[in-house]
N, C-alpha and C. Protein backbone atom coordinates (compact mmCIF):
# COMPACT_ATOMS: atom_id res chain seq x y z
N MET A 1 2.55 0.88 -0.37
CA MET A 1 1.43 0.24 0.27
C MET A 1 1.41 0.68 1.71
N THR A 2 0.21 0.96 2.19
CA THR A 2 0.03 1.42 3.56
C THR A 2 -1.02 0.57 4.25
N ASN A 3 -0.66 0.03 5.40
CA ASN A 3 -1.58 -0.74 6.22
C ASN A 3 -2.16 0.20 7.27
N PHE A 4 -3.44 0.53 7.14
CA PHE A 4 -4.15 1.35 8.12
C PHE A 4 -4.80 0.37 9.09
N PHE A 5 -4.40 0.39 10.35
CA PHE A 5 -4.81 -0.64 11.29
C PHE A 5 -5.30 -0.04 12.60
N HIS A 6 -5.92 -0.88 13.42
CA HIS A 6 -6.29 -0.57 14.80
C HIS A 6 -5.55 -1.58 15.67
N GLY A 7 -4.98 -1.14 16.75
CA GLY A 7 -4.32 -2.07 17.67
C GLY A 7 -2.92 -2.43 17.21
N SER A 8 -2.74 -3.66 16.74
CA SER A 8 -1.41 -4.08 16.28
C SER A 8 -1.47 -4.47 14.81
N ALA A 9 -0.38 -4.23 14.12
CA ALA A 9 -0.29 -4.53 12.70
C ALA A 9 0.81 -5.55 12.48
N PRO A 10 0.71 -6.33 11.41
CA PRO A 10 1.78 -7.29 11.12
C PRO A 10 3.06 -6.55 10.72
N ASP A 11 4.18 -7.24 10.82
CA ASP A 11 5.44 -6.66 10.36
C ASP A 11 5.31 -6.31 8.89
N LEU A 12 5.92 -5.21 8.48
CA LEU A 12 5.81 -4.76 7.09
C LEU A 12 6.33 -5.79 6.10
N ASP A 13 7.43 -6.47 6.44
CA ASP A 13 7.97 -7.45 5.50
C ASP A 13 7.01 -8.62 5.31
N ASN A 14 6.22 -8.95 6.33
CA ASN A 14 5.22 -10.01 6.19
C ASN A 14 4.00 -9.54 5.41
N MET A 15 3.75 -8.25 5.37
CA MET A 15 2.62 -7.70 4.65
C MET A 15 2.91 -7.60 3.16
N ALA A 16 4.12 -7.23 2.79
CA ALA A 16 4.44 -6.91 1.40
C ALA A 16 4.40 -8.12 0.47
N LYS A 17 4.98 -9.23 0.86
CA LYS A 17 5.12 -10.38 -0.04
C LYS A 17 3.79 -10.90 -0.58
N PRO A 18 2.78 -11.16 0.26
CA PRO A 18 1.52 -11.66 -0.31
C PRO A 18 0.82 -10.65 -1.22
N ILE A 19 0.97 -9.37 -0.93
CA ILE A 19 0.36 -8.35 -1.79
C ILE A 19 1.07 -8.31 -3.13
N LEU A 20 2.40 -8.34 -3.11
CA LEU A 20 3.15 -8.36 -4.37
C LEU A 20 2.80 -9.61 -5.19
N ASP A 21 2.67 -10.74 -4.52
CA ASP A 21 2.28 -11.97 -5.22
C ASP A 21 0.89 -11.85 -5.83
N ALA A 22 -0.04 -11.21 -5.12
CA ALA A 22 -1.41 -11.05 -5.61
C ALA A 22 -1.48 -10.12 -6.82
N LEU A 23 -0.55 -9.19 -6.93
CA LEU A 23 -0.54 -8.25 -8.06
C LEU A 23 0.06 -8.85 -9.33
N LYS A 24 0.70 -10.02 -9.19
CA LYS A 24 1.27 -10.70 -10.36
C LYS A 24 0.16 -11.03 -11.35
N ASP A 25 0.41 -10.77 -12.60
CA ASP A 25 -0.52 -10.98 -13.72
C ASP A 25 -1.69 -10.00 -13.72
N VAL A 26 -1.73 -9.09 -12.73
CA VAL A 26 -2.74 -8.03 -12.71
C VAL A 26 -2.06 -6.71 -13.06
N ILE A 27 -0.94 -6.42 -12.40
CA ILE A 27 -0.20 -5.18 -12.61
C ILE A 27 1.09 -5.43 -13.38
N TYR A 28 1.72 -6.55 -13.14
CA TYR A 28 2.99 -6.89 -13.80
C TYR A 28 3.03 -8.39 -14.04
N ASP A 29 3.98 -8.81 -14.88
CA ASP A 29 4.14 -10.23 -15.18
C ASP A 29 4.82 -10.98 -14.03
N ASP A 30 5.76 -10.32 -13.38
CA ASP A 30 6.51 -10.94 -12.29
C ASP A 30 6.96 -9.86 -11.32
N ASP A 31 7.01 -10.17 -10.04
CA ASP A 31 7.39 -9.14 -9.07
C ASP A 31 8.86 -8.73 -9.18
N SER A 32 9.62 -9.42 -10.01
CA SER A 32 11.00 -8.96 -10.27
C SER A 32 11.01 -7.64 -11.04
N GLN A 33 9.86 -7.26 -11.61
CA GLN A 33 9.75 -5.98 -12.32
C GLN A 33 9.63 -4.80 -11.36
N VAL A 34 9.32 -5.05 -10.11
CA VAL A 34 9.17 -3.98 -9.13
C VAL A 34 10.56 -3.42 -8.81
N SER A 35 10.74 -2.12 -9.05
CA SER A 35 12.05 -1.51 -8.82
C SER A 35 12.08 -0.69 -7.53
N ASP A 36 10.93 -0.28 -7.03
CA ASP A 36 10.84 0.51 -5.79
C ASP A 36 9.65 0.00 -4.99
N LEU A 37 9.81 -0.04 -3.68
CA LEU A 37 8.73 -0.49 -2.83
C LEU A 37 8.75 0.33 -1.55
N VAL A 38 7.62 0.98 -1.25
CA VAL A 38 7.49 1.76 -0.03
C VAL A 38 6.36 1.14 0.78
N CYS A 39 6.67 0.70 1.98
CA CYS A 39 5.67 0.11 2.87
C CYS A 39 5.54 0.96 4.12
N ARG A 40 4.30 1.16 4.52
CA ARG A 40 4.03 1.96 5.72
C ARG A 40 2.95 1.26 6.53
N LYS A 41 2.94 1.52 7.84
CA LYS A 41 1.80 1.12 8.66
C LYS A 41 1.41 2.32 9.50
N ARG A 42 0.12 2.58 9.56
CA ARG A 42 -0.41 3.75 10.25
C ARG A 42 -1.57 3.32 11.14
N ASP A 43 -1.46 3.66 12.42
CA ASP A 43 -2.51 3.35 13.39
C ASP A 43 -3.69 4.29 13.16
N ARG A 44 -4.85 3.75 12.91
CA ARG A 44 -6.04 4.56 12.65
C ARG A 44 -6.53 5.26 13.90
N ASN A 45 -6.01 4.90 15.06
CA ASN A 45 -6.40 5.58 16.29
C ASN A 45 -5.67 6.91 16.46
N GLY A 46 -4.63 7.15 15.67
CA GLY A 46 -3.87 8.38 15.76
C GLY A 46 -4.18 9.32 14.61
N ASP A 47 -3.55 10.46 14.60
CA ASP A 47 -3.69 11.43 13.52
C ASP A 47 -2.77 11.00 12.38
N VAL A 48 -3.34 10.69 11.23
CA VAL A 48 -2.58 10.17 10.10
C VAL A 48 -2.58 11.22 8.98
N PRO A 49 -1.52 12.04 8.87
CA PRO A 49 -1.47 13.01 7.78
C PRO A 49 -1.21 12.31 6.44
N ILE A 50 -2.01 12.62 5.44
CA ILE A 50 -1.86 12.03 4.11
C ILE A 50 -1.86 13.15 3.10
N PRO A 51 -0.70 13.43 2.48
CA PRO A 51 -0.65 14.49 1.48
C PRO A 51 -1.35 14.07 0.18
N SER A 52 -2.23 14.89 -0.31
CA SER A 52 -2.93 14.68 -1.59
C SER A 52 -3.59 13.30 -1.71
N PRO A 53 -4.47 12.92 -0.80
CA PRO A 53 -5.12 11.61 -0.91
C PRO A 53 -6.13 11.60 -2.05
N SER A 54 -6.29 10.44 -2.67
CA SER A 54 -7.29 10.29 -3.73
C SER A 54 -8.68 10.29 -3.10
N GLN A 55 -9.68 10.48 -3.92
CA GLN A 55 -11.07 10.46 -3.45
C GLN A 55 -11.42 9.08 -2.89
N ILE A 56 -10.93 8.04 -3.54
CA ILE A 56 -11.20 6.67 -3.08
C ILE A 56 -10.61 6.44 -1.69
N LEU A 57 -9.37 6.91 -1.48
CA LEU A 57 -8.75 6.75 -0.17
C LEU A 57 -9.49 7.55 0.88
N LEU A 58 -9.89 8.77 0.56
CA LEU A 58 -10.65 9.58 1.51
C LEU A 58 -11.96 8.88 1.91
N GLU A 59 -12.65 8.30 0.94
CA GLU A 59 -13.89 7.60 1.23
C GLU A 59 -13.64 6.41 2.15
N ARG A 60 -12.59 5.66 1.88
CA ARG A 60 -12.29 4.48 2.71
C ARG A 60 -11.87 4.89 4.11
N LEU A 61 -11.13 5.99 4.24
CA LEU A 61 -10.72 6.46 5.55
C LEU A 61 -11.93 6.89 6.39
N GLY A 62 -13.02 7.26 5.73
CA GLY A 62 -14.23 7.64 6.42
C GLY A 62 -15.03 6.46 6.93
N GLN A 63 -14.62 5.24 6.58
CA GLN A 63 -15.30 4.03 7.02
C GLN A 63 -14.51 3.38 8.14
N PRO A 64 -15.16 2.63 9.01
CA PRO A 64 -14.44 1.98 10.11
C PRO A 64 -13.65 0.76 9.62
N GLY A 65 -12.73 0.35 10.44
CA GLY A 65 -12.01 -0.90 10.20
C GLY A 65 -10.67 -0.73 9.52
N PRO A 66 -9.82 -1.75 9.68
CA PRO A 66 -8.50 -1.72 9.06
C PRO A 66 -8.58 -2.01 7.57
N PHE A 67 -7.58 -1.56 6.82
CA PHE A 67 -7.48 -1.87 5.39
C PHE A 67 -6.07 -1.59 4.91
N VAL A 68 -5.75 -2.11 3.74
CA VAL A 68 -4.45 -1.87 3.11
C VAL A 68 -4.70 -1.08 1.84
N HIS A 69 -3.96 0.00 1.65
CA HIS A 69 -4.05 0.83 0.46
C HIS A 69 -2.79 0.59 -0.37
N VAL A 70 -2.97 0.25 -1.64
CA VAL A 70 -1.84 0.01 -2.55
C VAL A 70 -1.90 1.02 -3.67
N PHE A 71 -0.81 1.74 -3.86
CA PHE A 71 -0.70 2.72 -4.94
C PHE A 71 0.41 2.25 -5.87
N VAL A 72 0.10 2.13 -7.14
CA VAL A 72 1.08 1.67 -8.14
C VAL A 72 1.35 2.81 -9.09
N ASP A 73 2.63 3.05 -9.32
CA ASP A 73 3.05 4.13 -10.22
C ASP A 73 4.28 3.66 -10.99
N TYR A 74 4.66 4.41 -12.00
CA TYR A 74 5.88 4.10 -12.73
C TYR A 74 7.07 4.74 -12.04
N ALA A 75 8.17 4.01 -12.00
CA ALA A 75 9.40 4.54 -11.39
C ALA A 75 10.06 5.54 -12.33
N LEU A 76 10.92 6.37 -11.78
CA LEU A 76 11.60 7.37 -12.59
C LEU A 76 12.42 6.77 -13.71
N ASN A 77 12.92 5.56 -13.52
CA ASN A 77 13.73 4.91 -14.54
C ASN A 77 12.88 4.23 -15.60
N GLY A 78 11.56 4.40 -15.52
CA GLY A 78 10.67 3.81 -16.52
C GLY A 78 10.13 2.45 -16.13
N GLY A 79 10.61 1.89 -15.02
CA GLY A 79 10.11 0.60 -14.55
C GLY A 79 8.89 0.78 -13.70
N MET A 80 8.31 -0.31 -13.27
CA MET A 80 7.11 -0.27 -12.44
C MET A 80 7.54 -0.11 -10.99
N ALA A 81 6.83 0.72 -10.26
CA ALA A 81 7.11 0.92 -8.83
C ALA A 81 5.85 0.65 -8.03
N ASN A 82 6.01 0.20 -6.80
CA ASN A 82 4.89 0.00 -5.88
C ASN A 82 5.20 0.67 -4.59
């Protein structure tokens, strides 16, 4: 999950928990299933390199304002990763 912000951003640990809770029953049954978690914050006022961005992310980056991007994938061990 990446928080694209202007100015100041919340601490990453404060950002992750409510997002993980919101994904419960949508992506997984319980957040105990999450085996990997990568959190980032990127200031939109700077140059933000993004390798292989999706079309949806590119479109959102072209719009003003802060947002959080969440990418969900399967972990190498077969579990769910965020």
